[in-house]
PDB file of all heavy atoms in Angstrom:
ATOM      1  N   ALA A   1      85.953 182.155 -37.659  1.00  0.00           N
ATOM      2  CA  ALA A   1      86.413 182.955 -38.798  1.00  0.00           C
ATOM      3  C   ALA A   1      86.061 184.432 -38.615  1.00  0.00           C
ATOM      4  O   ALA A   1      86.874 185.311 -38.915  1.00  0.00           O
ATOM      5  CB  ALA A   1      85.818 182.413 -40.096  1.00  0.00           C
ATOM      6  N   THR A   2      84.879 184.704 -38.116  1.00  0.00           N
ATOM      7  CA  THR A   2      84.460 186.084 -37.868  1.00  0.00           C
ATOM      8  C   THR A   2      85.349 186.743 -36.827  1.00  0.00           C
ATOM      9  O   THR A   2      85.784 187.890 -36.991  1.00  0.00           O
ATOM     10  CB  THR A   2      82.985 186.119 -37.415  1.00  0.00           C
ATOM     11  OG1 THR A   2      82.181 185.598 -38.472  1.00  0.00           O
ATOM     12  CG2 THR A   2      82.531 187.519 -37.050  1.00  0.00           C
ATOM     13  N   VAL A   3      85.636 186.027 -35.755  1.00  0.00           N
ATOM     14  CA  VAL A   3      86.480 186.586 -34.689  1.00  0.00           C
ATOM     15  C   VAL A   3      87.912 186.775 -35.175  1.00  0.00           C
ATOM     16  O   VAL A   3      88.536 187.808 -34.907  1.00  0.00           O
ATOM     17  CB  VAL A   3      86.413 185.702 -33.420  1.00  0.00           C
ATOM     18  CG1 VAL A   3      87.496 186.073 -32.423  1.00  0.00           C
ATOM     19  CG2 VAL A   3      85.036 185.840 -32.786  1.00  0.00           C
ATOM     20  N   VAL A   4      88.441 185.817 -35.900  1.00  0.00           N
ATOM     21  CA  VAL A   4      89.803 185.948 -36.429  1.00  0.00           C
ATOM     22  C   VAL A   4      89.881 187.149 -37.363  1.00  0.00           C
ATOM     23  O   VAL A   4      90.834 187.941 -37.294  1.00  0.00           O
ATOM     24  CB  VAL A   4      90.250 184.649 -37.133  1.00  0.00           C
ATOM     25  CG1 VAL A   4      91.519 184.866 -37.942  1.00  0.00           C
ATOM     26  CG2 VAL A   4      90.460 183.544 -36.103  1.00  0.00           C
ATOM     27  N   ASP A   5      88.886 187.327 -38.212  1.00  0.00           N
ATOM     28  CA  ASP A   5      88.865 188.478 -39.115  1.00  0.00           C
ATOM     29  C   ASP A   5      88.817 189.787 -38.320  1.00  0.00           C
ATOM     30  O   ASP A   5      89.538 190.744 -38.637  1.00  0.00           O
ATOM     31  CB  ASP A   5      87.671 188.376 -40.067  1.00  0.00           C
ATOM     32  CG  ASP A   5      87.640 189.493 -41.075  1.00  0.00           C
ATOM     33  OD1 ASP A   5      88.652 189.693 -41.787  1.00  0.00           O
ATOM     34  OD2 ASP A   5      86.603 190.186 -41.151  1.00  0.00           O
ATOM     35  N   ALA A   6      87.988 189.838 -37.289  1.00  0.00           N
ATOM     36  CA  ALA A   6      87.891 191.051 -36.470  1.00  0.00           C
ATOM     37  C   ALA A   6      89.200 191.325 -35.736  1.00  0.00           C
ATOM     38  O   ALA A   6      89.614 192.485 -35.612  1.00  0.00           O
ATOM     39  CB  ALA A   6      86.738 190.920 -35.476  1.00  0.00           C
ATOM     40  N   LEU A   7      89.873 190.278 -35.261  1.00  0.00           N
ATOM     41  CA  LEU A   7      91.170 190.467 -34.605  1.00  0.00           C
ATOM     42  C   LEU A   7      92.210 190.979 -35.595  1.00  0.00           C
ATOM     43  O   LEU A   7      92.988 191.887 -35.273  1.00  0.00           O
ATOM     44  CB  LEU A   7      91.644 189.157 -33.970  1.00  0.00           C
ATOM     45  CG  LEU A   7      90.907 188.727 -32.706  1.00  0.00           C
ATOM     46  CD1 LEU A   7      91.273 187.306 -32.324  1.00  0.00           C
ATOM     47  CD2 LEU A   7      91.174 189.698 -31.557  1.00  0.00           C
ATOM     48  N   ARG A   8      92.211 190.444 -36.791  1.00  0.00           N
ATOM     49  CA  ARG A   8      93.154 190.925 -37.813  1.00  0.00           C
ATOM     50  C   ARG A   8      92.915 192.390 -38.130  1.00  0.00           C
ATOM     51  O   ARG A   8      93.863 193.164 -38.280  1.00  0.00           O
ATOM     52  CB  ARG A   8      93.045 190.063 -39.078  1.00  0.00           C
ATOM     53  CG  ARG A   8      93.685 188.712 -38.918  1.00  0.00           C
ATOM     54  CD  ARG A   8      93.718 187.951 -40.230  1.00  0.00           C
ATOM     55  NE  ARG A   8      94.428 186.709 -40.034  1.00  0.00           N
ATOM     56  CZ  ARG A   8      94.015 185.535 -40.476  1.00  0.00           C
ATOM     57  NH1 ARG A   8      92.905 185.440 -41.188  1.00  0.00           N
ATOM     58  NH2 ARG A   8      94.713 184.448 -40.238  1.00  0.00           N
ATOM     59  N   ARG A   9      91.654 192.765 -38.245  1.00  0.00           N
ATOM     60  CA  ARG A   9      91.341 194.178 -38.514  1.00  0.00           C
ATOM     61  C   ARG A   9      91.798 195.062 -37.351  1.00  0.00           C
ATOM     62  O   ARG A   9      92.344 196.145 -37.571  1.00  0.00           O
ATOM     63  CB  ARG A   9      89.845 194.363 -38.777  1.00  0.00           C
ATOM     64  CG  ARG A   9      89.405 193.865 -40.145  1.00  0.00           C
ATOM     65  CD  ARG A   9      88.004 194.342 -40.525  1.00  0.00           C
ATOM     66  NE  ARG A   9      87.020 194.214 -39.465  1.00  0.00           N
ATOM     67  CZ  ARG A   9      86.264 193.141 -39.261  1.00  0.00           C
ATOM     68  NH1 ARG A   9      86.365 192.088 -40.050  1.00  0.00           N
ATOM     69  NH2 ARG A   9      85.376 193.123 -38.285  1.00  0.00           N
ATOM     70  N   LEU A  10      91.579 194.607 -36.130  1.00  0.00           N
ATOM     71  CA  LEU A  10      92.015 195.376 -34.958  1.00  0.00           C
ATOM     72  C   LEU A  10      93.525 195.570 -34.972  1.00  0.00           C
ATOM     73  O   LEU A  10      94.025 196.679 -34.799  1.00  0.00           O
ATOM     74  CB  LEU A  10      91.596 194.672 -33.661  1.00  0.00           C
ATOM     75  CG  LEU A  10      92.118 195.319 -32.371  1.00  0.00           C
ATOM     76  CD1 LEU A  10      91.438 196.658 -32.127  1.00  0.00           C
ATOM     77  CD2 LEU A  10      91.920 194.384 -31.192  1.00  0.00           C
ATOM     78  N   PHE A  11      94.267 194.483 -35.190  1.00  0.00           N
ATOM     79  CA  PHE A  11      95.723 194.559 -35.141  1.00  0.00           C
ATOM     80  C   PHE A  11      96.304 195.334 -36.320  1.00  0.00           C
ATOM     81  O   PHE A  11      97.422 195.821 -36.240  1.00  0.00           O
ATOM     82  CB  PHE A  11      96.334 193.165 -35.054  1.00  0.00           C
ATOM     83  CG  PHE A  11      95.944 192.423 -33.797  1.00  0.00           C
ATOM     84  CD1 PHE A  11      95.703 191.062 -33.837  1.00  0.00           C
ATOM     85  CD2 PHE A  11      95.801 193.071 -32.589  1.00  0.00           C
ATOM     86  CE1 PHE A  11      95.348 190.366 -32.690  1.00  0.00           C
ATOM     87  CE2 PHE A  11      95.442 192.392 -31.434  1.00  0.00           C
ATOM     88  CZ  PHE A  11      95.223 191.037 -31.486  1.00  0.00           C
ATOM     89  N   ALA A  12      95.541 195.470 -37.396  1.00  0.00           N
ATOM     90  CA  ALA A  12      96.008 196.249 -38.546  1.00  0.00           C
ATOM     91  C   ALA A  12      95.834 197.750 -38.320  1.00  0.00           C
ATOM     92  O   ALA A  12      96.457 198.548 -39.018  1.00  0.00           O
ATOM     93  CB  ALA A  12      95.259 195.825 -39.811  1.00  0.00           C
ATOM     94  N   LEU A  13      95.004 198.119 -37.361  1.00  0.00           N
ATOM     95  CA  LEU A  13      94.775 199.528 -37.070  1.00  0.00           C
ATOM     96  C   LEU A  13      95.953 200.138 -36.327  1.00  0.00           C
ATOM     97  O   LEU A  13      96.649 199.462 -35.569  1.00  0.00           O
ATOM     98  CB  LEU A  13      93.524 199.696 -36.195  1.00  0.00           C
ATOM     99  CG  LEU A  13      92.178 199.435 -36.831  1.00  0.00           C
ATOM    100  CD1 LEU A  13      91.088 199.486 -35.765  1.00  0.00           C
ATOM    101  CD2 LEU A  13      91.899 200.445 -37.928  1.00  0.00           C
ATOM    102  N   ASP A  14      96.105 201.420 -36.515  1.00  0.00           N
ATOM    103  CA  ASP A  14      97.034 202.172 -35.701  1.00  0.00           C
ATOM    104  C   ASP A  14      96.556 202.070 -34.248  1.00  0.00           C
ATOM    105  O   ASP A  14      95.347 202.091 -33.994  1.00  0.00           O
ATOM    106  CB  ASP A  14      97.023 203.636 -36.170  1.00  0.00           C
ATOM    107  CG  ASP A  14      97.993 204.468 -35.403  1.00  0.00           C
ATOM    108  OD1 ASP A  14      97.597 204.986 -34.334  1.00  0.00           O
ATOM    109  OD2 ASP A  14      99.144 204.610 -35.857  1.00  0.00           O
ATOM    110  N   PRO A  15      97.469 201.959 -33.285  1.00  0.00           N
ATOM    111  CA  PRO A  15      97.031 201.841 -31.884  1.00  0.00           C
ATOM    112  C   PRO A  15      96.079 202.953 -31.429  1.00  0.00           C
ATOM    113  O   PRO A  15      95.169 202.701 -30.647  1.00  0.00           O
ATOM    114  CB  PRO A  15      98.340 201.878 -31.092  1.00  0.00           C
ATOM    115  CG  PRO A  15      99.353 201.348 -32.040  1.00  0.00           C
ATOM    116  CD  PRO A  15      98.923 201.829 -33.405  1.00  0.00           C
ATOM    117  N   ALA A  16      96.257 204.149 -31.936  1.00  0.00           N
ATOM    118  CA  ALA A  16      95.381 205.251 -31.545  1.00  0.00           C
ATOM    119  C   ALA A  16      93.959 205.071 -32.073  1.00  0.00           C
ATOM    120  O   ALA A  16      93.022 205.688 -31.557  1.00  0.00           O
ATOM    121  CB  ALA A  16      95.960 206.573 -32.043  1.00  0.00           C
ATOM    122  N   GLU A  17      93.788 204.231 -33.071  1.00  0.00           N
ATOM    123  CA  GLU A  17      92.474 203.998 -33.665  1.00  0.00           C
ATOM    124  C   GLU A  17      91.787 202.751 -33.116  1.00  0.00           C
ATOM    125  O   GLU A  17      90.644 202.474 -33.458  1.00  0.00           O
ATOM    126  CB  GLU A  17      92.607 203.885 -35.189  1.00  0.00           C
ATOM    127  CG  GLU A  17      93.188 205.124 -35.844  1.00  0.00           C
ATOM    128  CD  GLU A  17      92.358 206.367 -35.584  1.00  0.00           C
ATOM    129  OE1 GLU A  17      91.119 206.272 -35.651  1.00  0.00           O
ATOM    130  OE2 GLU A  17      92.950 207.422 -35.309  1.00  0.00           O
ATOM    131  N   GLN A  18      92.454 201.982 -32.293  1.00  0.00           N
ATOM    132  CA  GLN A  18      91.880 200.753 -31.746  1.00  0.00           C
ATOM    133  C   GLN A  18      90.888 201.120 -30.642  1.00  0.00           C
ATOM    134  O   GLN A  18      91.277 201.635 -29.600  1.00  0.00           O
ATOM    135  CB  GLN A  18      92.982 199.843 -31.212  1.00  0.00           C
ATOM    136  CG  GLN A  18      93.904 199.348 -32.297  1.00  0.00           C
ATOM    137  CD  GLN A  18      95.083 198.558 -31.773  1.00  0.00           C
ATOM    138  OE1 GLN A  18      95.344 198.496 -30.570  1.00  0.00           O
ATOM    139  NE2 GLN A  18      95.804 197.926 -32.687  1.00  0.00           N
ATOM    140  N   ARG A  19      89.623 200.861 -30.888  1.00  0.00           N
ATOM    141  CA  ARG A  19      88.569 201.246 -29.944  1.00  0.00           C
ATOM    142  C   ARG A  19      88.016 200.071 -29.148  1.00  0.00           C
ATOM    143  O   ARG A  19      87.026 200.206 -28.440  1.00  0.00           O
ATOM    144  CB  ARG A  19      87.424 201.932 -30.690  1.00  0.00           C
ATOM    145  CG  ARG A  19      87.835 203.156 -31.455  1.00  0.00           C
ATOM    146  CD  ARG A  19      88.144 204.294 -30.504  1.00  0.00           C
ATOM    147  NE  ARG A  19      88.504 205.489 -31.248  1.00  0.00           N
ATOM    148  CZ  ARG A  19      89.683 206.093 -31.131  1.00  0.00           C
ATOM    149  NH1 ARG A  19      90.592 205.629 -30.310  1.00  0.00           N
ATOM    150  NH2 ARG A  19      89.945 207.164 -31.838  1.00  0.00           N
ATOM    151  N   THR A  20      88.615 198.927 -29.293  1.00  0.00           N
ATOM    152  CA  THR A  20      88.172 197.734 -28.568  1.00  0.00           C
ATOM    153  C   THR A  20      89.412 196.954 -28.171  1.00  0.00           C
ATOM    154  O   THR A  20      90.527 197.344 -28.492  1.00  0.00           O
ATOM    155  CB  THR A  20      87.206 196.898 -29.435  1.00  0.00           C
ATOM    156  OG1 THR A  20      86.615 195.877 -28.628  1.00  0.00           O
ATOM    157  CG2 THR A  20      87.907 196.280 -30.627  1.00  0.00           C
ATOM    158  N   THR A  21      89.216 195.864 -27.469  1.00  0.00           N
ATOM    159  CA  THR A  21      90.334 195.012 -27.074  1.00  0.00           C
ATOM    160  C   THR A  21      90.170 193.639 -27.712  1.00  0.00           C
ATOM    161  O   THR A  21      89.052 193.252 -28.096  1.00  0.00           O
ATOM    162  CB  THR A  21      90.394 194.827 -25.542  1.00  0.00           C
ATOM    163  OG1 THR A  21      89.284 194.015 -25.131  1.00  0.00           O
ATOM    164  CG2 THR A  21      90.376 196.161 -24.807  1.00  0.00           C
ATOM    165  N   PRO A  22      91.263 192.892 -27.799  1.00  0.00           N
ATOM    166  CA  PRO A  22      91.134 191.517 -28.301  1.00  0.00           C
ATOM    167  C   PRO A  22      90.136 190.693 -27.480  1.00  0.00           C
ATOM    168  O   PRO A  22      89.356 189.919 -28.052  1.00  0.00           O
ATOM    169  CB  PRO A  22      92.550 190.960 -28.188  1.00  0.00           C
ATOM    170  CG  PRO A  22      93.438 192.170 -28.256  1.00  0.00           C
ATOM    171  CD  PRO A  22      92.669 193.261 -27.562  1.00  0.00           C
ATOM    172  N   LEU A  23      90.121 190.879 -26.176  1.00  0.00           N
ATOM    173  CA  LEU A  23      89.191 190.101 -25.346  1.00  0.00           C
ATOM    174  C   LEU A  23      87.749 190.450 -25.670  1.00  0.00           C
ATOM    175  O   LEU A  23      86.893 189.558 -25.747  1.00  0.00           O
ATOM    176  CB  LEU A  23      89.477 190.326 -23.859  1.00  0.00           C
ATOM    177  CG  LEU A  23      88.594 189.545 -22.884  1.00  0.00           C
ATOM    178  CD1 LEU A  23      88.674 188.037 -23.138  1.00  0.00           C
ATOM    179  CD2 LEU A  23      88.975 189.875 -21.446  1.00  0.00           C
ATOM    180  N   GLN A  24      87.458 191.717 -25.900  1.00  0.00           N
ATOM    181  CA  GLN A  24      86.088 192.083 -26.265  1.00  0.00           C
ATOM    182  C   GLN A  24      85.676 191.408 -27.572  1.00  0.00           C
ATOM    183  O   GLN A  24      84.532 190.965 -27.706  1.00  0.00           O
ATOM    184  CB  GLN A  24      85.961 193.596 -26.386  1.00  0.00           C
ATOM    185  CG  GLN A  24      85.985 194.301 -25.044  1.00  0.00           C
ATOM    186  CD  GLN A  24      86.053 195.804 -25.198  1.00  0.00           C
ATOM    187  OE1 GLN A  24      86.931 196.326 -25.870  1.00  0.00           O
ATOM    188  NE2 GLN A  24      85.119 196.494 -24.582  1.00  0.00           N
ATOM    189  N   ILE A  25      86.592 191.335 -28.500  1.00  0.00           N
ATOM    190  CA  ILE A  25      86.288 190.670 -29.774  1.00  0.00           C
ATOM    191  C   ILE A  25      86.067 189.178 -29.558  1.00  0.00           C
ATOM    192  O   ILE A  25      85.092 188.601 -30.046  1.00  0.00           O
ATOM    193  CB  ILE A  25      87.404 190.937 -30.799  1.00  0.00           C
ATOM    194  CG1 ILE A  25      87.385 192.412 -31.204  1.00  0.00           C
ATOM    195  CG2 ILE A  25      87.262 190.023 -32.019  1.00  0.00           C
ATOM    196  CD1 ILE A  25      88.557 192.848 -32.038  1.00  0.00           C
ATOM    197  N   VAL A  26      86.949 188.540 -28.811  1.00  0.00           N
ATOM    198  CA  VAL A  26      86.839 187.103 -28.554  1.00  0.00           C
ATOM    199  C   VAL A  26      85.525 186.785 -27.844  1.00  0.00           C
ATOM    200  O   VAL A  26      84.917 185.738 -28.096  1.00  0.00           O
ATOM    201  CB  VAL A  26      88.059 186.609 -27.745  1.00  0.00           C
ATOM    202  CG1 VAL A  26      87.840 185.222 -27.185  1.00  0.00           C
ATOM    203  CG2 VAL A  26      89.311 186.644 -28.620  1.00  0.00           C
ATOM    204  N   ARG A  27      85.088 187.682 -27.001  1.00  0.00           N
ATOM    205  CA  ARG A  27      83.823 187.445 -26.297  1.00  0.00           C
ATOM    206  C   ARG A  27      82.639 187.312 -27.251  1.00  0.00           C
ATOM    207  O   ARG A  27      81.612 186.751 -26.891  1.00  0.00           O
ATOM    208  CB  ARG A  27      83.586 188.549 -25.276  1.00  0.00           C
ATOM    209  CG  ARG A  27      84.468 188.393 -24.061  1.00  0.00           C
ATOM    210  CD  ARG A  27      84.297 189.520 -23.083  1.00  0.00           C
ATOM    211  NE  ARG A  27      85.026 189.217 -21.855  1.00  0.00           N
ATOM    212  CZ  ARG A  27      85.396 190.133 -20.970  1.00  0.00           C
ATOM    213  NH1 ARG A  27      85.082 191.407 -21.169  1.00  0.00           N
ATOM    214  NH2 ARG A  27      86.052 189.772 -19.886  1.00  0.00           N
ATOM    215  N   GLY A  28      82.788 187.795 -28.469  1.00  0.00           N
ATOM    216  CA  GLY A  28      81.731 187.638 -29.461  1.00  0.00           C
ATOM    217  C   GLY A  28      81.483 186.190 -29.852  1.00  0.00           C
ATOM    218  O   GLY A  28      80.451 185.864 -30.442  1.00  0.00           O
ATOM    219  N   LEU A  29      82.434 185.329 -29.526  1.00  0.00           N
ATOM    220  CA  LEU A  29      82.269 183.904 -29.842  1.00  0.00           C
ATOM    221  C   LEU A  29      81.058 183.279 -29.164  1.00  0.00           C
ATOM    222  O   LEU A  29      80.539 182.270 -29.636  1.00  0.00           O
ATOM    223  CB  LEU A  29      83.520 183.115 -29.432  1.00  0.00           C
ATOM    224  CG  LEU A  29      84.725 183.207 -30.339  1.00  0.00           C
ATOM    225  CD1 LEU A  29      85.940 182.562 -29.688  1.00  0.00           C
ATOM    226  CD2 LEU A  29      84.438 182.550 -31.677  1.00  0.00           C
ATOM    227  N   VAL A  30      80.609 183.848 -28.066  1.00  0.00           N
ATOM    228  CA  VAL A  30      79.505 183.215 -27.326  1.00  0.00           C
ATOM    229  C   VAL A  30      78.171 183.293 -28.056  1.00  0.00           C
ATOM    230  O   VAL A  30      77.248 182.569 -27.707  1.00  0.00           O
ATOM    231  CB  VAL A  30      79.371 183.775 -25.889  1.00  0.00           C
ATOM    232  CG1 VAL A  30      80.665 183.612 -25.121  1.00  0.00           C
ATOM    233  CG2 VAL A  30      78.901 185.195 -25.887  1.00  0.00           C
ATOM    234  N   ALA A  31      78.070 184.148 -29.055  1.00  0.00           N
ATOM    235  CA  ALA A  31      76.793 184.265 -29.767  1.00  0.00           C
ATOM    236  C   ALA A  31      76.384 182.947 -30.420  1.00  0.00           C
ATOM    237  O   ALA A  31      75.199 182.572 -30.397  1.00  0.00           O
ATOM    238  CB  ALA A  31      76.869 185.376 -30.810  1.00  0.00           C
ATOM    239  N   ALA A  32      77.345 182.235 -31.006  1.00  0.00           N
ATOM    240  CA  ALA A  32      77.015 180.987 -31.705  1.00  0.00           C
ATOM    241  C   ALA A  32      76.498 179.905 -30.757  1.00  0.00           C
ATOM    242  O   ALA A  32      75.405 179.358 -30.989  1.00  0.00           O
ATOM    243  CB  ALA A  32      78.220 180.493 -32.503  1.00  0.00           C
ATOM    244  N   PRO A  33      77.223 179.564 -29.683  1.00  0.00           N
ATOM    245  CA  PRO A  33      76.666 178.533 -28.796  1.00  0.00           C
ATOM    246  C   PRO A  33      75.402 178.996 -28.075  1.00  0.00           C
ATOM    247  O   PRO A  33      74.531 178.176 -27.778  1.00  0.00           O
ATOM    248  CB  PRO A  33      77.802 178.240 -27.813  1.00  0.00           C
ATOM    249  CG  PRO A  33      78.718 179.401 -27.897  1.00  0.00           C
ATOM    250  CD  PRO A  33      78.569 179.955 -29.274  1.00  0.00           C
TER     251      PRO A  33
END
């Protein structure tokens, strides 16, 4: 849920304001395991 929310926020931004990539966000999933 946290990653999906972060991806939605990223995709809602103007491209010039996107300071990360979807892969960087998805990589945050490893914190839980």
